[in-house]
C-alpha atoms as a PDB file:
ATOM      1  CA  UNK A   1      36.480 -25.574 -42.660  1.00  0.00           C
ATOM      2  CA  UNK A   2      33.586 -27.282 -41.835  1.00  0.00           C
ATOM      3  CA  UNK A   3      35.219 -29.223 -39.192  1.00  0.00           C
ATOM      4  CA  UNK A   4      37.625 -26.571 -37.704  1.00  0.00           C
ATOM      5  CA  UNK A   5      36.129 -25.851 -33.670  1.00  0.00           C
ATOM      6  CA  UNK A   6      36.104 -21.877 -33.421  1.00  0.00           C
ATOM      7  CA  UNK A   7      35.278 -21.493 -29.626  1.00  0.00           C
ATOM      8  CA  UNK A   8      35.839 -18.566 -27.317  1.00  0.00           C
ATOM      9  CA  UNK A   9      37.575 -18.778 -23.672  1.00  0.00           C
ATOM     10  CA  UNK A  10      35.486 -20.211 -21.466  1.00  0.00           C
ATOM     11  CA  UNK A  11      34.846 -17.265 -18.044  1.00  0.00           C
ATOM     12  CA  UNK A  12      35.710 -14.370 -20.002  1.00  0.00           C
ATOM     13  CA  UNK A  13      34.613 -11.788 -22.426  1.00  0.00           C
ATOM     14  CA  UNK A  14      36.712 -10.862 -25.461  1.00  0.00           C
ATOM     15  CA  UNK A  15      37.308  -7.170 -26.852  1.00  0.00           C
ATOM     16  CA  UNK A  16      38.301  -7.340 -30.514  1.00  0.00           C
ATOM     17  CA  UNK A  17      39.154  -4.202 -32.743  1.00  0.00           C
ATOM     18  CA  UNK A  18      39.502  -4.997 -36.428  1.00  0.00           C
ATOM     19  CA  UNK A  19      41.801  -2.286 -38.593  1.00  0.00           C
ATOM     20  CA  UNK A  20      43.480  -3.161 -41.852  1.00  0.00           C
ATOM     21  CA  UNK A  21      47.191  -3.253 -41.954  1.00  0.00           C
ATOM     22  CA  UNK A  22      47.525  -0.389 -44.206  1.00  0.00           C
ATOM     23  CA  UNK A  23      45.529   2.599 -42.334  1.00  0.00           C
ATOM     24  CA  UNK A  24      46.997   5.271 -44.094  1.00  0.00           C
ATOM     25  CA  UNK A  25      44.492   7.509 -42.717  1.00  0.00           C
ATOM     26  CA  UNK A  26      45.860   7.158 -39.448  1.00  0.00           C
ATOM     27  CA  UNK A  27      49.476   7.141 -40.239  1.00  0.00           C
ATOM     28  CA  UNK A  28      49.326  10.737 -42.219  1.00  0.00           C
ATOM     29  CA  UNK A  29      51.791  13.340 -42.123  1.00  0.00           C
ATOM     30  CA  UNK A  30      50.128  14.463 -38.427  1.00  0.00           C
ATOM     31  CA  UNK A  31      51.553  11.393 -37.250  1.00  0.00           C
ATOM     32  CA  UNK A  32      48.367  10.095 -35.478  1.00  0.00           C
ATOM     33  CA  UNK A  33      50.208   7.640 -32.698  1.00  0.00           C
ATOM     34  CA  UNK A  34      47.815   4.519 -32.547  1.00  0.00           C
ATOM     35  CA  UNK A  35      50.081   3.679 -29.314  1.00  0.00           C
ATOM     36  CA  UNK A  36      49.352   6.731 -27.476  1.00  0.00           C
ATOM     37  CA  UNK A  37      45.414   7.237 -28.347  1.00  0.00           C
ATOM     38  CA  UNK A  38      44.487   4.058 -29.376  1.00  0.00           C
ATOM     39  CA  UNK A  39      46.244   1.539 -27.519  1.00  0.00           C
ATOM     40  CA  UNK A  40      46.291   3.308 -24.331  1.00  0.00           C
ATOM     41  CA  UNK A  41      42.630   4.618 -24.389  1.00  0.00           C
ATOM     42  CA  UNK A  42      41.703   0.995 -24.177  1.00  0.00           C
ATOM     43  CA  UNK A  43      44.965  -1.204 -22.246  1.00  0.00           C
ATOM     44  CA  UNK A  44      44.804  -3.471 -25.266  1.00  0.00           C
ATOM     45  CA  UNK A  45      46.360  -7.194 -24.086  1.00  0.00           C
ATOM     46  CA  UNK A  46      48.021  -8.021 -27.289  1.00  0.00           C
ATOM     47  CA  UNK A  47      48.387  -6.956 -30.960  1.00  0.00           C
ATOM     48  CA  UNK A  48      47.583  -9.769 -33.681  1.00  0.00           C
ATOM     49  CA  UNK A  49      48.577  -9.401 -37.697  1.00  0.00           C
ATOM     50  CA  UNK A  50      47.902 -11.334 -40.444  1.00  0.00           C
ATOM     51  CA  UNK A  51      50.865 -12.688 -42.003  1.00  0.00           C
ATOM     52  CA  UNK A  52      49.227 -13.047 -45.478  1.00  0.00           C
ATOM     53  CA  UNK A  53      51.030 -16.052 -45.883  1.00  0.00           C
ATOM     54  CA  UNK A  54      54.514 -14.870 -44.484  1.00  0.00           C
ATOM     55  CA  UNK A  55      56.953 -17.783 -43.076  1.00  0.00           C
ATOM     56  CA  UNK A  56      58.550 -15.412 -39.975  1.00  0.00           C
ATOM     57  CA  UNK A  57      56.357 -12.399 -37.828  1.00  0.00           C
ATOM     58  CA  UNK A  58      59.371  -9.885 -37.076  1.00  0.00           C
ATOM     59  CA  UNK A  59      57.502  -7.985 -34.071  1.00  0.00           C
ATOM     60  CA  UNK A  60      59.861  -4.728 -35.557  1.00  0.00           C
ATOM     61  CA  UNK A  61      57.265  -4.289 -38.200  1.00  0.00           C
ATOM     62  CA  UNK A  62      54.695  -2.869 -36.170  1.00  0.00           C
ATOM     63  CA  UNK A  63      57.009  -0.311 -34.789  1.00  0.00           C
ATOM     64  CA  UNK A  64      55.857   2.298 -37.136  1.00  0.00           C
ATOM     65  CA  UNK A  65      52.161   1.721 -36.102  1.00  0.00           C
ATOM     66  CA  UNK A  66      52.319   0.860 -32.052  1.00  0.00           C
ATOM     67  CA  UNK A  67      55.324   3.399 -31.666  1.00  0.00           C
ATOM     68  CA  UNK A  68      57.363   1.793 -28.491  1.00  0.00           C
ATOM     69  CA  UNK A  69      54.019   0.582 -26.521  1.00  0.00           C
ATOM     70  CA  UNK A  70      55.366  -2.727 -24.785  1.00  0.00           C
ATOM     71  CA  UNK A  71      52.351  -4.814 -25.809  1.00  0.00           C
ATOM     72  CA  UNK A  72      51.983  -8.474 -26.816  1.00  0.00           C
ATOM     73  CA  UNK A  73      52.535  -9.022 -30.515  1.00  0.00           C
ATOM     74  CA  UNK A  74      51.370 -12.370 -32.683  1.00  0.00           C
ATOM     75  CA  UNK A  75      51.129 -12.748 -35.962  1.00  0.00           C
ATOM     76  CA  UNK A  76      48.465 -14.832 -37.464  1.00  0.00           C
ATOM     77  CA  UNK A  77      47.632 -17.426 -40.732  1.00  0.00           C
ATOM     78  CA  UNK A  78      45.938 -20.231 -41.774  1.00  0.00           C
ATOM     79  CA  UNK A  79      48.684 -23.207 -40.290  1.00  0.00           C
ATOM     80  CA  UNK A  80      51.090 -24.489 -42.774  1.00  0.00           C
ATOM     81  CA  UNK A  81      49.459 -28.230 -42.507  1.00  0.00           C
ATOM     82  CA  UNK A  82      46.232 -26.787 -43.463  1.00  0.00           C
ATOM     83  CA  UNK A  83      47.229 -24.498 -46.124  1.00  0.00           C
ATOM     84  CA  UNK A  84      49.575 -27.043 -47.798  1.00  0.00           C
ATOM     85  CA  UNK A  85      46.267 -29.886 -47.470  1.00  0.00           C
ATOM     86  CA  UNK A  86      43.768 -27.240 -49.541  1.00  0.00           C
ATOM     87  CA  UNK A  87      46.512 -25.536 -51.905  1.00  0.00           C
ATOM     88  CA  UNK A  88      47.073 -29.150 -53.398  1.00  0.00           C
ATOM     89  CA  UNK A  89      43.650 -29.848 -53.708  1.00  0.00           C
ATOM     90  CA  UNK A  90      43.997 -26.698 -55.918  1.00  0.00           C
ATOM     91  CA  UNK A  91      46.933 -27.660 -57.307  1.00  0.00           C
ATOM     92  CA  UNK A  92      45.861 -30.945 -58.434  1.00  0.00           C
ATOM     93  CA  UNK A  93      42.813 -29.536 -60.380  1.00  0.00           C
ATOM     94  CA  UNK A  94      44.778 -26.966 -61.986  1.00  0.00           C
ATOM     95  CA  UNK A  95      47.482 -29.251 -63.512  1.00  0.00           C
ATOM     96  CA  UNK A  96      44.359 -31.647 -64.352  1.00  0.00           C
ATOM     97  CA  UNK A  97      42.943 -28.794 -66.006  1.00  0.00           C
ATOM     98  CA  UNK A  98      46.132 -27.605 -67.582  1.00  0.00           C
ATOM     99  CA  UNK A  99      46.086 -30.675 -69.332  1.00  0.00           C
ATOM    100  CA  UNK A 100      42.805 -31.102 -70.694  1.00  0.00           C
ATOM    101  CA  UNK A 101      43.241 -27.726 -71.996  1.00  0.00           C
ATOM    102  CA  UNK A 102      46.452 -28.692 -73.766  1.00  0.00           C
ATOM    103  CA  UNK A 103      44.434 -31.597 -75.146  1.00  0.00           C
ATOM    104  CA  UNK A 104      41.679 -29.742 -76.670  1.00  0.00           C
ATOM    105  CA  UNK A 105      43.899 -26.526 -78.258  1.00  0.00           C
ATOM    106  CA  UNK A 106      45.837 -29.305 -80.263  1.00  0.00           C
ATOM    107  CA  UNK A 107      42.486 -30.790 -81.446  1.00  0.00           C
ATOM    108  CA  UNK A 108      42.101 -30.107 -85.229  1.00  0.00           C
ATOM    109  CA  UNK A 109      38.435 -29.894 -85.188  1.00  0.00           C
ATOM    110  CA  UNK A 110      36.414 -28.454 -81.782  1.00  0.00           C
ATOM    111  CA  UNK A 111      33.208 -28.922 -83.485  1.00  0.00           C
ATOM    112  CA  UNK A 112      33.050 -32.508 -82.672  1.00  0.00           C
ATOM    113  CA  UNK A 113      30.840 -33.565 -79.963  1.00  0.00           C
ATOM    114  CA  UNK A 114      34.313 -34.829 -78.370  1.00  0.00           C
ATOM    115  CA  UNK A 115      35.822 -31.682 -78.687  1.00  0.00           C
ATOM    116  CA  UNK A 116      32.816 -29.673 -77.273  1.00  0.00           C
ATOM    117  CA  UNK A 117      32.760 -32.222 -74.052  1.00  0.00           C
ATOM    118  CA  UNK A 118      36.186 -31.530 -73.522  1.00  0.00           C
ATOM    119  CA  UNK A 119      36.001 -27.305 -73.682  1.00  0.00           C
ATOM    120  CA  UNK A 120      32.839 -27.585 -70.923  1.00  0.00           C
ATOM    121  CA  UNK A 121      34.521 -29.985 -68.813  1.00  0.00           C
ATOM    122  CA  UNK A 122      37.561 -27.265 -68.826  1.00  0.00           C
ATOM    123  CA  UNK A 123      34.641 -24.571 -67.904  1.00  0.00           C
ATOM    124  CA  UNK A 124      33.625 -26.862 -65.218  1.00  0.00           C
ATOM    125  CA  UNK A 125      37.066 -26.991 -63.538  1.00  0.00           C
ATOM    126  CA  UNK A 126      37.933 -23.795 -63.764  1.00  0.00           C
ATOM    127  CA  UNK A 127      34.616 -22.613 -61.758  1.00  0.00           C
ATOM    128  CA  UNK A 128      35.437 -25.181 -59.177  1.00  0.00           C
ATOM    129  CA  UNK A 129      38.754 -23.807 -58.800  1.00  0.00           C
ATOM    130  CA  UNK A 130      37.969 -20.744 -58.568  1.00  0.00           C
ATOM    131  CA  UNK A 131      35.558 -21.332 -56.114  1.00  0.00           C
ATOM    132  CA  UNK A 132      37.682 -22.881 -54.161  1.00  0.00           C
ATOM    133  CA  UNK A 133      40.322 -20.205 -54.621  1.00  0.00           C
ATOM    134  CA  UNK A 134      37.837 -17.798 -53.031  1.00  0.00           C
ATOM    135  CA  UNK A 135      36.497 -20.083 -50.313  1.00  0.00           C
ATOM    136  CA  UNK A 136      39.603 -20.733 -48.831  1.00  0.00           C
ATOM    137  CA  UNK A 137      40.304 -16.847 -49.106  1.00  0.00           C
ATOM    138  CA  UNK A 138      37.069 -15.320 -47.834  1.00  0.00           C
ATOM    139  CA  UNK A 139      36.191 -18.275 -45.945  1.00  0.00           C
ATOM    140  CA  UNK A 140      38.937 -20.557 -44.689  1.00  0.00           C
ATOM    141  CA  UNK A 141      41.458 -18.322 -43.882  1.00  0.00           C
ATOM    142  CA  UNK A 142      39.017 -15.709 -41.422  1.00  0.00           C
ATOM    143  CA  UNK A 143      38.073 -18.791 -39.740  1.00  0.00           C
ATOM    144  CA  UNK A 144      41.316 -19.703 -38.919  1.00  0.00           C
ATOM    145  CA  UNK A 145      42.317 -16.054 -37.785  1.00  0.00           C
ATOM    146  CA  UNK A 146      39.408 -15.840 -35.088  1.00  0.00           C
ATOM    147  CA  UNK A 147      40.370 -19.234 -34.170  1.00  0.00           C
ATOM    148  CA  UNK A 148      44.335 -18.061 -33.255  1.00  0.00           C
ATOM    149  CA  UNK A 149      42.606 -14.907 -32.022  1.00  0.00           C
ATOM    150  CA  UNK A 150      40.586 -16.969 -29.354  1.00  0.00           C
ATOM    151  CA  UNK A 151      43.681 -19.118 -28.528  1.00  0.00           C
ATOM    152  CA  UNK A 152      45.397 -16.571 -27.960  1.00  0.00           C
ATOM    153  CA  UNK A 153      43.212 -15.291 -25.153  1.00  0.00           C
ATOM    154  CA  UNK A 154      42.445 -17.936 -23.914  1.00  0.00           C
ATOM    155  CA  UNK A 155      45.762 -17.743 -21.952  1.00  0.00           C
ATOM    156  CA  UNK A 156      45.157 -14.477 -20.407  1.00  0.00           C
ATOM    157  CA  UNK A 157      44.353 -15.330 -16.659  1.00  0.00           C
ATOM    158  CA  UNK A 158      41.797 -11.330 -17.111  1.00  0.00           C
ATOM    159  CA  UNK A 159      37.956 -12.124 -17.275  1.00  0.00           C
ATOM    160  CA  UNK A 160      38.063  -9.276 -20.157  1.00  0.00           C
ATOM    161  CA  UNK A 161      40.731  -9.617 -22.753  1.00  0.00           C
ATOM    162  CA  UNK A 162      41.234  -6.999 -25.674  1.00  0.00           C
ATOM    163  CA  UNK A 163      42.749  -7.791 -28.860  1.00  0.00           C
ATOM    164  CA  UNK A 164      43.765  -5.431 -31.600  1.00  0.00           C
ATOM    165  CA  UNK A 165      43.872  -6.940 -35.135  1.00  0.00           C
ATOM    166  CA  UNK A 166      45.824  -5.580 -38.449  1.00  0.00           C
ATOM    167  CA  UNK A 167      44.169  -7.565 -41.272  1.00  0.00           C
ATOM    168  CA  UNK A 168      43.449  -7.371 -44.928  1.00  0.00           C
ATOM    169  CA  UNK A 169      40.524  -5.388 -45.023  1.00  0.00           C
ATOM    170  CA  UNK A 170      38.076  -7.454 -47.228  1.00  0.00           C
ATOM    171  CA  UNK A 171      38.644 -10.111 -44.661  1.00  0.00           C
ATOM    172  CA  UNK A 172      37.264  -8.030 -41.762  1.00  0.00           C
ATOM    173  CA  UNK A 173      33.388  -7.712 -42.059  1.00  0.00           C
ATOM    174  CA  UNK A 174      33.916 -11.988 -42.260  1.00  0.00           C
ATOM    175  CA  UNK A 175      36.082 -12.041 -39.327  1.00  0.00           C
ATOM    176  CA  UNK A 176      33.756  -9.706 -37.453  1.00  0.00           C
ATOM    177  CA  UNK A 177      30.546 -11.750 -38.147  1.00  0.00           C
ATOM    178  CA  UNK A 178      32.774 -15.336 -36.902  1.00  0.00           C
ATOM    179  CA  UNK A 179      33.989 -13.195 -34.126  1.00  0.00           C
ATOM    180  CA  UNK A 180      29.315 -12.282 -33.299  1.00  0.00           C
ATOM    181  CA  UNK A 181      28.914 -15.349 -33.888  1.00  0.00           C
ATOM    182  CA  UNK A 182      30.649 -17.420 -31.719  1.00  0.00           C
ATOM    183  CA  UNK A 183      29.452 -15.813 -28.092  1.00  0.00           C
ATOM    184  CA  UNK A 184      31.198 -13.874 -25.225  1.00  0.00           C
ATOM    185  CA  UNK A 185      32.643 -11.219 -27.625  1.00  0.00           C
ATOM    186  CA  UNK A 186      32.635  -7.867 -28.322  1.00  0.00           C
ATOM    187  CA  UNK A 187      33.667  -7.057 -31.918  1.00  0.00           C
ATOM    188  CA  UNK A 188      34.402  -3.363 -33.886  1.00  0.00           C
ATOM    189  CA  UNK A 189      35.714  -2.310 -36.782  1.00  0.00           C
ATOM    190  CA  UNK A 190      38.272   0.627 -36.895  1.00  0.00           C
ATOM    191  CA  UNK A 191      37.480   2.775 -40.027  1.00  0.00           C
ATOM    192  CA  UNK A 192      39.517   5.789 -39.996  1.00  0.00           C
ATOM    193  CA  UNK A 193      37.611   7.528 -42.603  1.00  0.00           C
ATOM    194  CA  UNK A 194      35.129   8.005 -39.844  1.00  0.00           C
ATOM    195  CA  UNK A 195      36.694   7.007 -36.766  1.00  0.00           C
ATOM    196  CA  UNK A 196      39.847   8.282 -35.138  1.00  0.00           C
ATOM    197  CA  UNK A 197      39.977   6.854 -31.281  1.00  0.00           C
ATOM    198  CA  UNK A 198      38.685   4.047 -30.319  1.00  0.00           C
ATOM    199  CA  UNK A 199      36.323   5.820 -28.001  1.00  0.00           C
ATOM    200  CA  UNK A 200      34.120   6.222 -30.956  1.00  0.00           C
ATOM    201  CA  UNK A 201      33.725   2.806 -31.892  1.00  0.00           C
ATOM    202  CA  UNK A 202      29.894   1.318 -30.543  1.00  0.00           C
ATOM    203  CA  UNK A 203      30.964  -2.555 -29.638  1.00  0.00           C
ATOM    204  CA  UNK A 204      28.447  -5.360 -31.512  1.00  0.00           C
END
């Protein structure tokens, strides 16, 4: 992630609204229609959806959310080449830790210095694995999602580009911070518990 270049499109301002994928308050029995009352309010140029590891994006999956509004939509995620490398690093550590754990479990006397050192090393490795998995999910992934949204926005010729992103709720604050740090971006999180339309949002 340290080498990931996150650059906003030149000569334009990107307006991004982030909302969670399963927005039950927006999809309740009152049939609150995002397409009619949210999308049209700002004439969004495109919609993005967090793929969460799915290999194929089906635009039809958005129908229940955006109705039949003719709007460009994209599935976004960490590229397979990047995810594969990062996952392989974690998997290698898990395999090594599992091997040490097996050796430790077979030891008859776990009070020896060797056994205690092995136990400590296993603990260190498990902590490292947990840290890398958290970094992958909470740092690397949000950075790639922001980059992908910028890449798509850069293809538009307008001075202002409006984006609606459906994502995992816990990642939205991190994405918001990354967008704000990039500059030339106005970003807000749509929280259905307190807001029912984009007009109630204050862009940062």
